[in-house]
PDB file of N, CA and C in Angstrom:
ATOM      1  N   UNK A   1    -127.110  49.122  65.636  1.00  0.00           N
ATOM      2  CA  UNK A   1    -126.590  49.713  64.471  1.00  0.00           C
ATOM      3  C   UNK A   1    -125.227  50.551  65.059  1.00  0.00           C
ATOM      4  N   UNK A   2    -123.963  50.317  64.221  1.00  0.00           N
ATOM      5  CA  UNK A   2    -122.971  50.951  64.638  1.00  0.00           C
ATOM      6  C   UNK A   2    -123.012  52.471  64.527  1.00  0.00           C
ATOM      7  N   UNK A   3    -122.155  53.111  65.491  1.00  0.00           N
ATOM      8  CA  UNK A   3    -122.349  54.636  65.578  1.00  0.00           C
ATOM      9  C   UNK A   3    -122.084  55.349  64.058  1.00  0.00           C
ATOM     10  N   UNK A   4    -121.105  54.742  63.332  1.00  0.00           N
ATOM     11  CA  UNK A   4    -120.962  55.175  62.029  1.00  0.00           C
ATOM     12  C   UNK A   4    -120.480  54.014  61.051  1.00  0.00           C
ATOM     13  N   UNK A   5    -121.260  54.026  59.975  1.00  0.00           N
ATOM     14  CA  UNK A   5    -121.018  52.824  59.197  1.00  0.00           C
ATOM     15  C   UNK A   5    -120.521  53.481  57.840  1.00  0.00           C
ATOM     16  N   UNK A   6    -119.590  52.595  57.163  1.00  0.00           N
ATOM     17  CA  UNK A   6    -119.019  53.125  56.029  1.00  0.00           C
ATOM     18  C   UNK A   6    -119.901  52.804  54.894  1.00  0.00           C
ATOM     19  N   UNK A   7    -120.248  53.892  54.178  1.00  0.00           N
ATOM     20  CA  UNK A   7    -121.371  53.656  52.982  1.00  0.00           C
ATOM     21  C   UNK A   7    -120.625  54.044  51.724  1.00  0.00           C
ATOM     22  N   UNK A   8    -120.636  53.221  50.800  1.00  0.00           N
ATOM     23  CA  UNK A   8    -119.926  53.334  49.677  1.00  0.00           C
ATOM     24  C   UNK A   8    -121.001  53.620  48.382  1.00  0.00           C
ATOM     25  N   UNK A   9    -121.021  54.763  47.948  1.00  0.00           N
ATOM     26  CA  UNK A   9    -122.133  55.086  46.781  1.00  0.00           C
ATOM     27  C   UNK A   9    -121.326  54.896  45.330  1.00  0.00           C
ATOM     28  N   UNK A  10    -121.708  54.028  44.752  1.00  0.00           N
ATOM     29  CA  UNK A  10    -121.164  53.807  43.549  1.00  0.00           C
ATOM     30  C   UNK A  10    -122.157  54.190  42.390  1.00  0.00           C
ATOM     31  N   UNK A  11    -121.428  55.275  41.591  1.00  0.00           N
ATOM     32  CA  UNK A  11    -122.343  55.943  40.536  1.00  0.00           C
ATOM     33  C   UNK A  11    -121.754  56.005  39.212  1.00  0.00           C
ATOM     34  N   UNK A  12    -122.601  55.806  38.357  1.00  0.00           N
ATOM     35  CA  UNK A  12    -122.097  55.760  36.930  1.00  0.00           C
ATOM     36  C   UNK A  12    -122.357  57.408  36.329  1.00  0.00           C
ATOM     37  N   UNK A  13    -121.609  57.318  35.093  1.00  0.00           N
ATOM     38  CA  UNK A  13    -121.933  58.633  34.328  1.00  0.00           C
ATOM     39  C   UNK A  13    -123.436  58.662  33.689  1.00  0.00           C
ATOM     40  N   UNK A  14    -123.691  60.003  33.357  1.00  0.00           N
ATOM     41  CA  UNK A  14    -125.053  60.138  33.019  1.00  0.00           C
ATOM     42  C   UNK A  14    -125.137  61.161  31.922  1.00  0.00           C
ATOM     43  N   UNK A  15    -125.947  61.467  30.942  1.00  0.00           N
ATOM     44  CA  UNK A  15    -125.937  62.331  29.930  1.00  0.00           C
ATOM     45  C   UNK A  15    -126.506  63.780  30.296  1.00  0.00           C
ATOM     46  N   UNK A  16    -125.750  64.883  30.323  1.00  0.00           N
ATOM     47  CA  UNK A  16    -126.134  66.236  30.516  1.00  0.00           C
ATOM     48  C   UNK A  16    -125.805  66.910  29.558  1.00  0.00           C
ATOM     49  N   UNK A  17    -126.941  67.444  28.917  1.00  0.00           N
ATOM     50  CA  UNK A  17    -126.956  68.312  27.509  1.00  0.00           C
ATOM     51  C   UNK A  17    -125.731  67.831  26.493  1.00  0.00           C
ATOM     52  N   UNK A  18    -125.861  66.489  26.370  1.00  0.00           N
ATOM     53  CA  UNK A  18    -124.980  65.971  25.225  1.00  0.00           C
ATOM     54  C   UNK A  18    -123.772  65.482  25.756  1.00  0.00           C
ATOM     55  N   UNK A  19    -123.320  65.789  27.030  1.00  0.00           N
ATOM     56  CA  UNK A  19    -122.055  65.392  27.737  1.00  0.00           C
ATOM     57  C   UNK A  19    -122.100  64.276  28.626  1.00  0.00           C
ATOM     58  N   UNK A  20    -121.591  63.263  28.327  1.00  0.00           N
ATOM     59  CA  UNK A  20    -121.611  61.946  29.191  1.00  0.00           C
ATOM     60  C   UNK A  20    -120.574  62.126  30.184  1.00  0.00           C
ATOM     61  N   UNK A  21    -120.740  62.234  31.614  1.00  0.00           N
ATOM     62  CA  UNK A  21    -119.702  62.338  32.471  1.00  0.00           C
ATOM     63  C   UNK A  21    -120.224  61.907  33.918  1.00  0.00           C
ATOM     64  N   UNK A  22    -119.281  61.553  34.864  1.00  0.00           N
ATOM     65  CA  UNK A  22    -119.442  61.312  36.245  1.00  0.00           C
ATOM     66  C   UNK A  22    -119.744  62.743  36.769  1.00  0.00           C
ATOM     67  N   UNK A  23    -120.856  62.818  37.389  1.00  0.00           N
ATOM     68  CA  UNK A  23    -121.165  64.207  38.101  1.00  0.00           C
ATOM     69  C   UNK A  23    -121.892  63.925  39.358  1.00  0.00           C
ATOM     70  N   UNK A  24    -121.279  64.806  40.238  1.00  0.00           N
ATOM     71  CA  UNK A  24    -121.678  64.373  41.724  1.00  0.00           C
ATOM     72  C   UNK A  24    -122.922  65.272  42.314  1.00  0.00           C
ATOM     73  N   UNK A  25    -123.336  66.272  41.455  1.00  0.00           N
ATOM     74  CA  UNK A  25    -124.324  67.124  41.733  1.00  0.00           C
ATOM     75  C   UNK A  25    -125.570  66.327  42.013  1.00  0.00           C
ATOM     76  N   UNK A  26    -126.142  65.380  41.616  1.00  0.00           N
ATOM     77  CA  UNK A  26    -127.410  64.633  42.006  1.00  0.00           C
ATOM     78  C   UNK A  26    -127.015  63.881  42.998  1.00  0.00           C
ATOM     79  N   UNK A  27    -125.798  63.782  43.654  1.00  0.00           N
ATOM     80  CA  UNK A  27    -125.696  62.984  44.695  1.00  0.00           C
ATOM     81  C   UNK A  27    -125.468  63.780  46.057  1.00  0.00           C
ATOM     82  N   UNK A  28    -125.612  64.879  45.987  1.00  0.00           N
ATOM     83  CA  UNK A  28    -125.454  65.919  46.973  1.00  0.00           C
ATOM     84  C   UNK A  28    -126.519  65.672  48.127  1.00  0.00           C
ATOM     85  N   UNK A  29    -127.856  65.676  47.896  1.00  0.00           N
ATOM     86  CA  UNK A  29    -128.688  65.337  48.805  1.00  0.00           C
ATOM     87  C   UNK A  29    -128.601  64.026  49.373  1.00  0.00           C
ATOM     88  N   UNK A  30    -128.287  62.856  48.765  1.00  0.00           N
ATOM     89  CA  UNK A  30    -128.036  61.684  49.198  1.00  0.00           C
ATOM     90  C   UNK A  30    -126.884  61.709  50.217  1.00  0.00           C
ATOM     91  N   UNK A  31    -125.881  62.300  49.853  1.00  0.00           N
ATOM     92  CA  UNK A  31    -124.763  62.494  50.886  1.00  0.00           C
ATOM     93  C   UNK A  31    -125.186  62.891  52.238  1.00  0.00           C
ATOM     94  N   UNK A  32    -125.798  64.211  51.875  1.00  0.00           N
ATOM     95  CA  UNK A  32    -126.176  65.028  52.998  1.00  0.00           C
ATOM     96  C   UNK A  32    -126.977  64.108  54.127  1.00  0.00           C
ATOM     97  N   UNK A  33    -128.024  63.465  53.662  1.00  0.00           N
ATOM     98  CA  UNK A  33    -128.906  62.645  54.463  1.00  0.00           C
ATOM     99  C   UNK A  33    -127.954  61.495  55.146  1.00  0.00           C
ATOM    100  N   UNK A  34    -127.319  60.738  54.476  1.00  0.00           N
ATOM    101  CA  UNK A  34    -126.647  60.086  54.985  1.00  0.00           C
ATOM    102  C   UNK A  34    -125.451  60.428  56.040  1.00  0.00           C
ATOM    103  N   UNK A  35    -124.774  61.287  55.785  1.00  0.00           N
ATOM    104  CA  UNK A  35    -123.916  62.023  56.872  1.00  0.00           C
ATOM    105  C   UNK A  35    -124.758  62.417  58.112  1.00  0.00           C
ATOM    106  N   UNK A  36    -125.886  62.992  57.834  1.00  0.00           N
ATOM    107  CA  UNK A  36    -126.775  63.556  58.896  1.00  0.00           C
ATOM    108  C   UNK A  36    -126.891  62.483  59.942  1.00  0.00           C
ATOM    109  N   UNK A  37    -127.121  61.281  59.339  1.00  0.00           N
ATOM    110  CA  UNK A  37    -127.385  59.842  60.189  1.00  0.00           C
ATOM    111  C   UNK A  37    -126.209  59.437  60.726  1.00  0.00           C
ATOM    112  N   UNK A  38    -125.069  59.972  60.776  1.00  0.00           N
ATOM    113  CA  UNK A  38    -123.827  59.779  61.136  1.00  0.00           C
ATOM    114  C   UNK A  38    -122.916  58.854  60.317  1.00  0.00           C
ATOM    115  N   UNK A  39    -123.296  58.459  59.118  1.00  0.00           N
ATOM    116  CA  UNK A  39    -122.618  57.585  58.284  1.00  0.00           C
ATOM    117  C   UNK A  39    -121.217  58.298  57.503  1.00  0.00           C
ATOM    118  N   UNK A  40    -120.228  57.564  57.345  1.00  0.00           N
ATOM    119  CA  UNK A  40    -119.061  58.041  56.472  1.00  0.00           C
ATOM    120  C   UNK A  40    -119.521  57.500  55.094  1.00  0.00           C
ATOM    121  N   UNK A  41    -119.455  58.504  54.251  1.00  0.00           N
ATOM    122  CA  UNK A  41    -120.040  58.351  52.865  1.00  0.00           C
ATOM    123  C   UNK A  41    -118.523  58.522  51.823  1.00  0.00           C
ATOM    124  N   UNK A  42    -118.541  57.566  51.181  1.00  0.00           N
ATOM    125  CA  UNK A  42    -117.367  57.311  49.916  1.00  0.00           C
ATOM    126  C   UNK A  42    -117.907  57.100  48.707  1.00  0.00           C
ATOM    127  N   UNK A  43    -117.577  58.060  47.866  1.00  0.00           N
ATOM    128  CA  UNK A  43    -117.990  57.951  46.513  1.00  0.00           C
ATOM    129  C   UNK A  43    -116.971  57.220  45.686  1.00  0.00           C
ATOM    130  N   UNK A  44    -117.591  56.389  44.769  1.00  0.00           N
ATOM    131  CA  UNK A  44    -116.734  55.565  43.900  1.00  0.00           C
ATOM    132  C   UNK A  44    -117.416  55.416  42.567  1.00  0.00           C
ATOM    133  N   UNK A  45    -116.826  56.078  41.482  1.00  0.00           N
ATOM    134  CA  UNK A  45    -117.175  56.176  40.099  1.00  0.00           C
ATOM    135  C   UNK A  45    -117.074  54.842  39.737  1.00  0.00           C
ATOM    136  N   UNK A  46    -118.118  54.373  38.878  1.00  0.00           N
ATOM    137  CA  UNK A  46    -118.057  53.040  37.866  1.00  0.00           C
ATOM    138  C   UNK A  46    -118.453  53.360  36.630  1.00  0.00           C
ATOM    139  N   UNK A  47    -118.379  52.223  35.710  1.00  0.00           N
ATOM    140  CA  UNK A  47    -118.661  52.592  34.297  1.00  0.00           C
ATOM    141  C   UNK A  47    -119.860  52.417  33.714  1.00  0.00           C
ATOM    142  N   UNK A  48    -120.827  51.726  34.549  1.00  0.00           N
ATOM    143  CA  UNK A  48    -122.185  51.694  34.153  1.00  0.00           C
ATOM    144  C   UNK A  48    -123.071  52.913  34.160  1.00  0.00           C
ATOM    145  N   UNK A  49    -123.525  53.311  33.090  1.00  0.00           N
ATOM    146  CA  UNK A  49    -124.313  54.568  32.892  1.00  0.00           C
ATOM    147  C   UNK A  49    -125.722  54.557  33.725  1.00  0.00           C
ATOM    148  N   UNK A  50    -126.102  55.824  34.275  1.00  0.00           N
ATOM    149  CA  UNK A  50    -127.246  56.094  34.862  1.00  0.00           C
ATOM    150  C   UNK A  50    -127.481  55.376  35.961  1.00  0.00           C
ATOM    151  N   UNK A  51    -126.586  55.004  36.787  1.00  0.00           N
ATOM    152  CA  UNK A  51    -126.913  53.861  37.913  1.00  0.00           C
ATOM    153  C   UNK A  51    -126.342  54.647  39.147  1.00  0.00           C
ATOM    154  N   UNK A  52    -126.843  54.303  40.333  1.00  0.00           N
ATOM    155  CA  UNK A  52    -126.344  54.521  41.763  1.00  0.00           C
ATOM    156  C   UNK A  52    -126.653  53.324  42.578  1.00  0.00           C
ATOM    157  N   UNK A  53    -125.509  52.859  43.101  1.00  0.00           N
ATOM    158  CA  UNK A  53    -125.504  51.627  43.990  1.00  0.00           C
ATOM    159  C   UNK A  53    -125.202  52.010  45.372  1.00  0.00           C
ATOM    160  N   UNK A  54    -125.775  51.725  46.506  1.00  0.00           N
ATOM    161  CA  UNK A  54    -125.256  51.837  47.790  1.00  0.00           C
ATOM    162  C   UNK A  54    -124.889  50.540  48.236  1.00  0.00           C
ATOM    163  N   UNK A  55    -123.462  50.417  48.883  1.00  0.00           N
ATOM    164  CA  UNK A  55    -122.938  49.312  49.273  1.00  0.00           C
ATOM    165  C   UNK A  55    -122.583  49.689  50.898  1.00  0.00           C
ATOM    166  N   UNK A  56    -123.034  48.581  51.508  1.00  0.00           N
ATOM    167  CA  UNK A  56    -122.675  48.576  52.960  1.00  0.00           C
ATOM    168  C   UNK A  56    -122.101  47.178  53.414  1.00  0.00           C
ATOM    169  N   UNK A  57    -121.064  47.059  54.024  1.00  0.00           N
ATOM    170  CA  UNK A  57    -120.395  45.723  54.635  1.00  0.00           C
ATOM    171  C   UNK A  57    -120.195  44.872  53.413  1.00  0.00           C
ATOM    172  N   UNK A  58    -119.807  45.281  52.247  1.00  0.00           N
ATOM    173  CA  UNK A  58    -119.819  44.420  51.169  1.00  0.00           C
ATOM    174  C   UNK A  58    -121.057  44.024  50.311  1.00  0.00           C
ATOM    175  N   UNK A  59    -122.064  44.657  50.778  1.00  0.00           N
ATOM    176  CA  UNK A  59    -123.270  44.163  50.136  1.00  0.00           C
ATOM    177  C   UNK A  59    -124.220  45.412  49.574  1.00  0.00           C
ATOM    178  N   UNK A  60    -124.604  45.199  48.361  1.00  0.00           N
ATOM    179  CA  UNK A  60    -125.411  46.234  47.697  1.00  0.00           C
ATOM    180  C   UNK A  60    -126.869  46.321  48.492  1.00  0.00           C
ATOM    181  N   UNK A  61    -127.251  47.326  48.970  1.00  0.00           N
ATOM    182  CA  UNK A  61    -128.412  47.539  49.837  1.00  0.00           C
ATOM    183  C   UNK A  61    -129.339  48.376  48.951  1.00  0.00           C
ATOM    184  N   UNK A  62    -128.951  49.220  48.073  1.00  0.00           N
ATOM    185  CA  UNK A  62    -129.921  50.034  47.297  1.00  0.00           C
ATOM    186  C   UNK A  62    -129.491  50.140  45.993  1.00  0.00           C
ATOM    187  N   UNK A  63    -130.248  50.509  44.943  1.00  0.00           N
ATOM    188  CA  UNK A  63    -130.037  50.790  43.601  1.00  0.00           C
ATOM    189  C   UNK A  63    -131.078  51.564  42.850  1.00  0.00           C
ATOM    190  N   UNK A  64    -130.629  52.600  42.362  1.00  0.00           N
ATOM    191  CA  UNK A  64    -131.509  53.324  41.535  1.00  0.00           C
ATOM    192  C   UNK A  64    -130.892  53.951  40.316  1.00  0.00           C
ATOM    193  N   UNK A  65    -132.013  54.592  39.536  1.00  0.00           N
ATOM    194  CA  UNK A  65    -131.303  55.475  38.183  1.00  0.00           C
ATOM    195  C   UNK A  65    -130.936  56.864  38.777  1.00  0.00           C
ATOM    196  N   UNK A  66    -129.709  57.213  38.551  1.00  0.00           N
ATOM    197  CA  UNK A  66    -129.146  58.421  39.205  1.00  0.00           C
ATOM    198  C   UNK A  66    -129.874  59.686  38.668  1.00  0.00           C
ATOM    199  N   UNK A  67    -130.623  59.432  37.459  1.00  0.00           N
ATOM    200  CA  UNK A  67    -131.427  60.739  37.019  1.00  0.00           C
ATOM    201  C   UNK A  67    -132.788  60.847  37.787  1.00  0.00           C
ATOM    202  N   UNK A  68    -133.084  59.964  38.542  1.00  0.00           N
ATOM    203  CA  UNK A  68    -134.279  60.121  39.527  1.00  0.00           C
ATOM    204  C   UNK A  68    -133.962  60.877  40.812  1.00  0.00           C
ATOM    205  N   UNK A  69    -132.659  61.076  41.110  1.00  0.00           N
ATOM    206  CA  UNK A  69    -132.411  61.785  42.271  1.00  0.00           C
ATOM    207  C   UNK A  69    -132.506  63.375  41.808  1.00  0.00           C
ATOM    208  N   UNK A  70    -132.823  63.988  42.824  1.00  0.00           N
ATOM    209  CA  UNK A  70    -133.060  65.512  42.797  1.00  0.00           C
ATOM    210  C   UNK A  70    -131.682  66.299  42.727  1.00  0.00           C
ATOM    211  N   UNK A  71    -131.675  67.340  41.868  1.00  0.00           N
ATOM    212  CA  UNK A  71    -130.270  67.905  41.263  1.00  0.00           C
ATOM    213  C   UNK A  71    -130.190  68.908  42.460  1.00  0.00           C
ATOM    214  N   UNK A  72    -129.160  68.606  43.175  1.00  0.00           N
ATOM    215  CA  UNK A  72    -128.721  69.394  44.328  1.00  0.00           C
ATOM    216  C   UNK A  72    -129.642  69.354  45.598  1.00  0.00           C
ATOM    217  N   UNK A  73    -129.659  70.213  46.349  1.00  0.00           N
ATOM    218  CA  UNK A  73    -130.422  70.058  47.482  1.00  0.00           C
ATOM    219  C   UNK A  73    -130.131  69.321  48.801  1.00  0.00           C
ATOM    220  N   UNK A  74    -130.822  69.158  49.672  1.00  0.00           N
ATOM    221  CA  UNK A  74    -130.405  68.668  51.000  1.00  0.00           C
ATOM    222  C   UNK A  74    -130.888  67.147  51.064  1.00  0.00           C
ATOM    223  N   UNK A  75    -131.891  66.684  50.189  1.00  0.00           N
ATOM    224  CA  UNK A  75    -132.379  65.452  50.161  1.00  0.00           C
ATOM    225  C   UNK A  75    -133.465  65.042  50.953  1.00  0.00           C
ATOM    226  N   UNK A  76    -133.754  66.162  51.861  1.00  0.00           N
ATOM    227  CA  UNK A  76    -135.071  65.791  52.863  1.00  0.00           C
ATOM    228  C   UNK A  76    -136.258  65.661  52.068  1.00  0.00           C
ATOM    229  N   UNK A  77    -136.536  66.191  50.928  1.00  0.00           N
ATOM    230  CA  UNK A  77    -137.845  66.156  50.153  1.00  0.00           C
ATOM    231  C   UNK A  77    -137.668  64.969  49.080  1.00  0.00           C
ATOM    232  N   UNK A  78    -136.663  64.381  48.929  1.00  0.00           N
ATOM    233  CA  UNK A  78    -136.373  63.410  47.729  1.00  0.00           C
ATOM    234  C   UNK A  78    -136.605  62.038  48.392  1.00  0.00           C
ATOM    235  N   UNK A  79    -137.727  61.357  47.786  1.00  0.00           N
ATOM    236  CA  UNK A  79    -138.154  60.192  48.239  1.00  0.00           C
ATOM    237  C   UNK A  79    -137.119  59.094  48.055  1.00  0.00           C
ATOM    238  N   UNK A  80    -136.377  59.391  46.808  1.00  0.00           N
ATOM    239  CA  UNK A  80    -135.348  58.312  46.585  1.00  0.00           C
ATOM    240  C   UNK A  80    -134.190  58.366  47.646  1.00  0.00           C
ATOM    241  N   UNK A  81    -133.837  59.509  48.189  1.00  0.00           N
ATOM    242  CA  UNK A  81    -132.692  59.631  49.303  1.00  0.00           C
ATOM    243  C   UNK A  81    -133.332  59.199  50.633  1.00  0.00           C
ATOM    244  N   UNK A  82    -134.651  59.357  50.783  1.00  0.00           N
ATOM    245  CA  UNK A  82    -135.229  58.622  51.915  1.00  0.00           C
ATOM    246  C   UNK A  82    -135.226  57.243  52.066  1.00  0.00           C
ATOM    247  N   UNK A  83    -135.459  56.752  50.638  1.00  0.00           N
ATOM    248  CA  UNK A  83    -135.476  55.191  50.607  1.00  0.00           C
ATOM    249  C   UNK A  83    -134.032  54.518  50.790  1.00  0.00           C
ATOM    250  N   UNK A  84    -133.025  55.367  50.269  1.00  0.00           N
ATOM    251  CA  UNK A  84    -131.710  54.608  50.321  1.00  0.00           C
ATOM    252  C   UNK A  84    -131.328  54.654  51.926  1.00  0.00           C
ATOM    253  N   UNK A  85    -131.732  55.877  52.636  1.00  0.00           N
ATOM    254  CA  UNK A  85    -131.251  55.952  53.912  1.00  0.00           C
ATOM    255  C   UNK A  85    -131.780  54.919  54.718  1.00  0.00           C
ATOM    256  N   UNK A  86    -133.094  54.626  54.398  1.00  0.00           N
ATOM    257  CA  UNK A  86    -133.841  53.621  55.077  1.00  0.00           C
ATOM    258  C   UNK A  86    -133.054  52.231  54.788  1.00  0.00           C
ATOM    259  N   UNK A  87    -132.781  51.946  53.371  1.00  0.00           N
ATOM    260  CA  UNK A  87    -131.939  50.731  53.070  1.00  0.00           C
ATOM    261  C   UNK A  87    -130.675  50.572  53.889  1.00  0.00           C
ATOM    262  N   UNK A  88    -130.091  51.616  54.183  1.00  0.00           N
ATOM    263  CA  UNK A  88    -128.845  51.560  54.966  1.00  0.00           C
ATOM    264  C   UNK A  88    -128.891  51.145  56.414  1.00  0.00           C
ATOM    265  N   UNK A  89    -129.888  51.720  56.887  1.00  0.00           N
ATOM    266  CA  UNK A  89    -130.349  51.606  58.416  1.00  0.00           C
ATOM    267  C   UNK A  89    -130.991  50.064  58.385  1.00  0.00           C
ATOM    268  N   UNK A  90    -131.555  49.407  57.309  1.00  0.00           N
ATOM    269  CA  UNK A  90    -132.000  48.117  57.470  1.00  0.00           C
ATOM    270  C   UNK A  90    -130.990  47.229  57.384  1.00  0.00           C
ATOM    271  N   UNK A  91    -129.778  47.599  56.789  1.00  0.00           N
ATOM    272  CA  UNK A  91    -128.634  46.710  56.598  1.00  0.00           C
ATOM    273  C   UNK A  91    -128.080  46.200  57.885  1.00  0.00           C
ATOM    274  N   UNK A  92    -128.445  46.761  59.056  1.00  0.00           N
ATOM    275  CA  UNK A  92    -127.819  46.214  60.289  1.00  0.00           C
ATOM    276  C   UNK A  92    -128.973  45.521  61.097  1.00  0.00           C
TER     277      UNK A  92
END
């Protein structure tokens, strides 16, 4: 695996207390886990609601509902973050 992979996190808006917007707070743990593994993380807002897609080398390697990610935190106890990190590692 390369020393540092370019990882693109495509994320859509989701409903928070009646307001639909792109929020990065649920992506904090995911970003932390990927950066700790040495990857460069780029956030890309998309129009599809409630979705997170992780792209590596032009290929989608992981997808989940953004609402299933833990709010804030470091991602170490979030199963979804661990699954996503493993999917990035398996892409090589």
